[in-house]
Amino acid sequence: MVKTILVTGATGQQGGATVRALVESNKTVKEPFSILALSRNPTSDASIALGKLENVEVVKGDLNEPDSIDQLFEAHGPIYGVFSVQSTFVPGEETAQGNALADLAAKHKVQHFVYTSTDYSGLAPHPVPHYEAKRLIEEHIHGLDLEWTIIRPGGFMSTFHWPPLLAAITTMLRKDRRFPVIDVGDIGRAVATIFSDKESFVGKTIHLDGDEPTPSDVVEIFKELTGRDISAKEPPDLGFPPMEKALKTINEHAYIGTPEETKKYFPWVKDLRTFVSENFPKEA
C-alpha cells in the first residue's frame, strides 16, 4: 500500500522544500510516497506548480480551521506521515495551529509526525514569543500518543538575500557570536530522509545547521565570493520587532545547535560558502 504524507505550508519555504525533496527522493526509494501538499488556495500559481510534480496532489485546508484538516484525514486516510510547519508569527495562533494538527495526527493514528521547530537556545520559557510558541508545541507533542521527530533549524541562509538582515547581522550581533544557519533546501532533504528511514529518527530531536559563521565570517565570505562589501556601520530598521528581539536574545543566549551535530545524520548539508557561491553572482 502506498504511504501518504501530508505536508503543511506547502507553498512556503520549508513546506515547499519538503515537497520537492520528497519528489526527488521518490526517484530512488523502493516505496515512493504519495504527497498531499496543503494549501489555503489551491488555485494560486505556487500551488498549481506543485500540483504538476509527480505524486503530488494539492489539497485545500487551513490550519486555523482544524475541522478542514480533520476532513482531509478522513478523505485521504490513512495518512502515514505529517510534516508540520506553521507560517504565522502570531504566537497564540501558531501554538493553536501546531497543537491542533498534532492532536489530529494522534487521533488519526499517523505513524510518523515530523515537526519543524527552532533552536531556542535551551531557554524555557523563551523571551521571544514566536520561539516560545514552538517550544510549547514541542511540549504538547511530547504528551501525545504519537511517534515523532522534531527538527530545530537555525537561521535560514535564504534570508541573506535581504540586505537589511545582512546589515543587522554585521551590526547587532557580537563580533565573536557564531550564528548557526541552514539552507532551506537542506531542511527539505533532511525531512525526506527522516520519512524514508523512520527507525533511525523516531523519538529524536535534531538541530539542523550547515554552518555557524561569525559576523566577520559572513562579511569575508561575501567579499571573497561576490566582491560585495556587506558590512554596515549602523543597525538598520528591520521594521519587524520579533526579528530585532531575536537577534538581541541570540547575543545573550547563543543557539546550541552545531553543524557537527547535524552532519552526524546529514553529512551533505551546505556550508555558507557553498550557498553564497551558488546563489549570489560575482560583481563585475
Protein backbone atom coordinates (compact mmCIF):
# COMPACT_ATOMS: atom_id res chain seq x y z
CA MET A 1 0.00 0.00 0.00
CA VAL A 2 1.36 3.43 -0.95
CA LYS A 3 2.19 5.59 2.06
CA THR A 4 0.78 9.12 2.07
CA ILE A 5 2.49 12.16 3.58
CA LEU A 6 0.68 15.41 4.34
CA VAL A 7 2.94 18.46 4.01
CA THR A 8 1.64 21.66 5.59
CA GLY A 9 2.85 25.07 4.47
CA ALA A 10 3.47 23.55 1.06
CA THR A 11 3.78 26.88 -0.73
CA GLY A 12 6.13 28.29 1.91
CA GLN A 13 9.87 27.86 2.27
CA GLN A 14 10.12 24.74 4.43
CA GLY A 15 6.97 23.05 3.17
CA GLY A 16 7.85 23.69 -0.46
CA ALA A 17 11.39 22.42 0.05
CA THR A 18 9.98 19.29 1.69
CA VAL A 19 7.56 18.59 -1.16
CA ARG A 20 10.34 18.95 -3.74
CA ALA A 21 12.75 16.83 -1.71
CA LEU A 22 10.16 14.06 -1.34
CA VAL A 23 9.54 14.13 -5.10
CA GLU A 24 13.28 13.78 -5.70
CA SER A 25 13.63 11.06 -3.05
CA ASN A 26 10.79 9.12 -4.66
CA LYS A 27 13.02 8.55 -7.69
CA THR A 28 15.40 6.35 -5.70
CA VAL A 29 13.39 4.68 -2.91
CA LYS A 30 11.71 1.30 -3.24
CA GLU A 31 8.36 2.58 -1.97
CA PRO A 32 7.61 6.11 -3.24
CA PHE A 33 5.38 8.31 -1.12
CA SER A 34 2.13 9.89 -2.23
CA ILE A 35 2.33 13.57 -1.26
CA LEU A 36 -0.56 15.78 -0.16
CA ALA A 37 0.50 19.43 -0.37
CA LEU A 38 -1.68 21.55 1.90
CA SER A 39 -2.63 24.99 0.61
CA ARG A 40 -5.26 27.52 1.61
CA ASN A 41 -5.51 28.48 -2.07
CA PRO A 42 -5.01 25.54 -4.45
CA THR A 43 -5.54 27.83 -7.46
CA SER A 44 -2.54 30.05 -6.69
CA ASP A 45 0.41 29.93 -9.08
CA ALA A 46 2.61 28.31 -6.42
CA SER A 47 0.00 25.62 -5.71
CA ILE A 48 -0.52 24.88 -9.40
CA ALA A 49 3.24 24.49 -9.87
CA LEU A 50 3.39 21.99 -7.00
CA GLY A 51 0.46 20.04 -8.42
CA LYS A 52 2.40 19.42 -11.61
CA LEU A 53 5.07 17.47 -9.72
CA GLU A 54 4.94 13.68 -9.78
CA ASN A 55 2.93 12.02 -6.99
CA VAL A 56 1.83 15.41 -5.62
CA GLU A 57 -1.80 16.35 -5.01
CA VAL A 58 -2.57 19.85 -3.77
CA VAL A 59 -5.35 19.80 -1.17
CA LYS A 60 -7.24 22.70 0.33
CA GLY A 61 -7.14 23.29 4.07
CA ASP A 62 -6.48 25.95 6.68
CA LEU A 63 -4.57 25.27 9.89
CA ASN A 64 -6.73 27.92 11.57
CA GLU A 65 -9.74 25.70 10.83
CA PRO A 66 -8.95 22.27 12.33
CA ASP A 67 -12.22 20.84 11.00
CA SER A 68 -10.95 21.33 7.45
CA ILE A 69 -7.82 19.35 8.31
CA ASP A 70 -9.85 16.65 10.06
CA GLN A 71 -11.87 16.25 6.86
CA LEU A 72 -8.65 15.81 4.89
CA PHE A 73 -7.60 12.97 7.17
CA GLU A 74 -10.99 11.35 6.66
CA ALA A 75 -10.98 11.80 2.88
CA HIS A 76 -7.38 10.81 2.18
CA GLY A 77 -6.58 8.42 5.01
CA PRO A 78 -4.80 6.54 6.18
CA ILE A 79 -2.09 9.18 6.22
CA TYR A 80 1.29 7.73 7.14
CA GLY A 81 3.24 10.89 7.88
CA VAL A 82 2.73 14.59 8.55
CA PHE A 83 5.23 17.41 8.15
CA SER A 84 4.13 20.20 10.46
CA VAL A 85 5.20 23.80 9.90
CA GLN A 86 3.34 26.95 10.89
CA SER A 87 3.86 30.12 8.86
CA THR A 88 2.25 32.63 11.21
CA PHE A 89 4.24 34.90 13.53
CA VAL A 90 1.24 35.39 15.83
CA PRO A 91 2.29 33.35 18.91
CA GLY A 92 -1.14 32.28 20.18
CA GLU A 93 -2.25 31.42 16.67
CA GLU A 94 0.93 29.46 15.96
CA THR A 95 0.62 27.39 19.12
CA ALA A 96 -3.05 26.68 18.43
CA GLN A 97 -2.27 25.57 14.87
CA GLY A 98 0.62 23.33 15.88
CA ASN A 99 -1.19 21.73 18.80
CA ALA A 100 -4.38 21.11 16.83
CA LEU A 101 -2.51 19.47 13.95
CA ALA A 102 -0.61 17.21 16.35
CA ASP A 103 -3.89 16.28 18.07
CA LEU A 104 -5.43 15.34 14.73
CA ALA A 105 -2.37 13.29 13.80
CA ALA A 106 -2.71 11.35 17.04
CA LYS A 107 -6.46 10.95 16.54
CA HIS A 108 -5.97 9.51 13.05
CA LYS A 109 -3.03 7.33 14.12
CA VAL A 110 -0.40 8.93 11.91
CA GLN A 111 2.70 6.74 12.08
CA HIS A 112 5.35 9.47 11.83
CA PHE A 113 4.88 13.13 12.75
CA VAL A 114 7.75 15.45 11.85
CA TYR A 115 7.62 18.89 13.45
CA THR A 116 9.93 21.74 12.47
CA SER A 117 10.64 23.89 15.49
CA THR A 118 13.60 26.23 16.01
CA ASP A 119 16.80 26.48 18.02
CA TYR A 120 15.54 28.29 21.11
CA SER A 121 18.91 28.23 22.91
CA GLY A 122 17.63 25.93 25.64
CA LEU A 123 15.58 28.74 27.17
CA ALA A 124 12.31 27.78 28.86
CA PRO A 125 10.39 29.97 28.67
CA HIS A 126 11.89 31.86 25.75
CA PRO A 127 11.58 35.68 25.77
CA VAL A 128 10.82 35.88 22.03
CA PRO A 129 7.14 34.95 21.53
CA HIS A 130 7.42 33.03 18.25
CA TYR A 131 10.31 30.97 19.65
CA GLU A 132 8.29 30.24 22.78
CA ALA A 133 5.32 29.21 20.63
CA LYS A 134 7.44 26.49 19.02
CA ARG A 135 8.77 25.32 22.38
CA LEU A 136 5.21 24.96 23.65
CA ILE A 137 4.22 22.94 20.57
CA GLU A 138 7.16 20.62 21.24
CA GLU A 139 5.93 20.12 24.80
CA HIS A 140 2.44 19.33 23.54
CA ILE A 141 3.73 16.75 21.07
CA HIS A 142 5.66 15.00 23.84
CA GLY A 143 2.40 14.44 25.71
CA LEU A 144 0.60 12.70 22.84
CA ASP A 145 0.39 9.08 21.79
CA LEU A 146 2.35 9.86 18.65
CA GLU A 147 5.63 8.77 17.08
CA TRP A 148 7.52 11.93 16.26
CA THR A 149 10.75 13.50 15.11
CA ILE A 150 11.49 17.14 15.89
CA ILE A 151 13.93 19.22 13.88
CA ARG A 152 15.31 22.55 15.06
CA PRO A 153 16.72 24.59 12.17
CA GLY A 154 18.96 27.57 12.83
CA GLY A 155 18.71 30.73 10.77
CA PHE A 156 17.86 30.38 7.09
CA MET A 157 20.64 31.14 4.62
CA SER A 158 17.95 32.36 2.23
CA THR A 159 17.37 35.40 4.46
CA PHE A 160 20.79 36.66 3.37
CA HIS A 161 19.06 37.75 0.17
CA TRP A 162 17.50 40.50 2.30
CA PRO A 163 20.11 43.31 2.64
CA PRO A 164 18.68 44.73 5.91
CA LEU A 165 19.24 41.38 7.63
CA LEU A 166 22.84 41.23 6.45
CA ALA A 167 23.29 44.72 7.88
CA ALA A 168 21.65 43.63 11.13
CA ILE A 169 23.91 40.60 11.49
CA THR A 170 27.04 42.69 10.98
CA THR A 171 25.98 45.43 13.40
CA MET A 172 23.68 43.86 16.00
CA LEU A 173 25.45 40.58 16.74
CA ARG A 174 28.60 40.37 18.82
CA LYS A 175 31.68 40.01 16.63
CA ASP A 176 32.50 36.64 18.19
CA ARG A 177 28.93 35.32 18.19
CA ARG A 178 28.55 32.27 16.00
CA PHE A 179 25.24 32.21 14.14
CA PRO A 180 24.17 28.69 13.03
CA VAL A 181 22.44 28.72 9.64
CA ILE A 182 20.96 26.18 7.23
CA ASP A 183 19.93 26.15 3.57
CA VAL A 184 16.15 25.70 3.41
CA GLY A 185 16.62 23.15 0.63
CA ASP A 186 18.64 21.05 3.05
CA ILE A 187 15.76 21.17 5.55
CA GLY A 188 13.52 19.59 2.93
CA ARG A 189 16.12 16.99 2.09
CA ALA A 190 16.56 16.14 5.77
CA VAL A 191 12.80 15.71 6.22
CA ALA A 192 12.62 13.40 3.19
CA THR A 193 15.43 11.32 4.70
CA ILE A 194 13.63 11.19 8.05
CA PHE A 195 10.41 9.93 6.48
CA SER A 196 12.30 7.33 4.44
CA ASP A 197 14.15 5.95 7.48
CA LYS A 198 11.75 6.23 10.39
CA GLU A 199 13.52 3.75 12.65
CA SER A 200 16.71 5.83 12.62
CA PHE A 201 14.96 9.08 13.55
CA VAL A 202 11.78 8.41 15.53
CA GLY A 203 11.85 9.96 19.00
CA LYS A 204 14.83 12.18 18.20
CA THR A 205 15.22 15.95 18.32
CA ILE A 206 17.85 17.13 15.87
CA HIS A 207 19.30 20.59 15.29
CA LEU A 208 19.81 21.45 11.62
CA ASP A 209 22.78 23.68 10.80
CA GLY A 210 25.10 23.71 7.81
CA ASP A 211 27.47 26.37 9.11
CA GLU A 212 27.99 28.68 12.09
CA PRO A 213 29.75 31.82 10.85
CA THR A 214 30.53 34.87 12.93
CA PRO A 215 29.51 38.27 11.53
CA SER A 216 33.11 38.74 10.36
CA ASP A 217 32.99 35.40 8.57
CA VAL A 218 29.84 36.45 6.70
CA VAL A 219 31.47 39.71 5.57
CA GLU A 220 34.62 37.90 4.42
CA ILE A 221 32.72 35.20 2.51
CA PHE A 222 30.60 37.72 0.62
CA LYS A 223 33.63 39.89 -0.14
CA GLU A 224 35.69 36.97 -1.44
CA LEU A 225 32.99 35.23 -3.47
CA THR A 226 30.91 38.15 -4.75
CA GLY A 227 33.10 41.21 -4.44
CA ARG A 228 30.44 42.88 -2.30
CA ASP A 229 31.15 44.67 0.96
CA ILE A 230 28.09 43.92 3.07
CA SER A 231 29.40 45.43 6.30
CA ALA A 232 27.27 48.20 7.77
CA LYS A 233 28.05 50.97 10.23
CA GLU A 234 24.62 51.47 11.76
CA PRO A 235 21.94 48.93 12.74
CA PRO A 236 19.10 49.00 10.20
CA ASP A 237 15.43 49.45 10.95
CA LEU A 238 14.16 45.97 10.15
CA GLY A 239 10.57 47.04 10.62
CA PHE A 240 9.96 43.70 12.29
CA PRO A 241 10.30 43.82 16.10
CA PRO A 242 10.30 40.00 16.57
CA MET A 243 13.42 39.68 14.40
CA GLU A 244 15.16 42.51 16.26
CA LYS A 245 14.33 40.93 19.61
CA ALA A 246 15.54 37.53 18.38
CA LEU A 247 18.94 38.95 17.37
CA LYS A 248 19.31 40.68 20.74
CA THR A 249 18.45 37.44 22.53
CA ILE A 250 20.96 35.44 20.45
CA ASN A 251 23.65 37.87 21.62
CA GLU A 252 22.94 36.86 25.20
CA HIS A 253 21.98 33.22 24.65
CA ALA A 254 23.68 31.51 21.72
CA TYR A 255 21.98 28.87 19.62
CA ILE A 256 23.02 25.43 20.85
CA GLY A 257 22.90 23.54 17.55
CA THR A 258 26.11 22.91 15.62
CA PRO A 259 27.00 21.69 12.12
CA GLU A 260 28.84 18.81 13.76
CA GLU A 261 25.61 17.52 15.29
CA THR A 262 23.75 17.88 12.01
CA LYS A 263 26.42 16.15 9.94
CA LYS A 264 26.16 13.01 12.08
CA TYR A 265 22.82 12.48 10.36
CA PHE A 266 23.07 14.57 7.20
CA PRO A 267 26.73 14.91 6.15
CA TRP A 268 25.79 16.63 2.88
CA VAL A 269 24.45 19.90 4.33
CA LYS A 270 25.80 23.03 2.62
CA ASP A 271 28.10 25.47 4.33
CA LEU A 272 27.69 29.20 3.80
CA ARG A 273 30.48 29.43 1.23
CA THR A 274 28.70 26.90 -0.98
CA PHE A 275 25.36 28.66 -0.59
CA VAL A 276 26.77 32.08 -1.44
CA SER A 277 28.69 30.77 -4.46
CA GLU A 278 25.52 29.12 -5.78
CA ASN A 279 23.10 31.96 -5.11
CA PHE A 280 24.94 35.29 -5.35
CA PRO A 281 26.63 36.36 -8.60
CA LYS A 282 30.08 37.87 -8.50
CA GLU A 283 30.03 41.60 -9.17
CA ALA A 284 31.83 42.77 -12.31
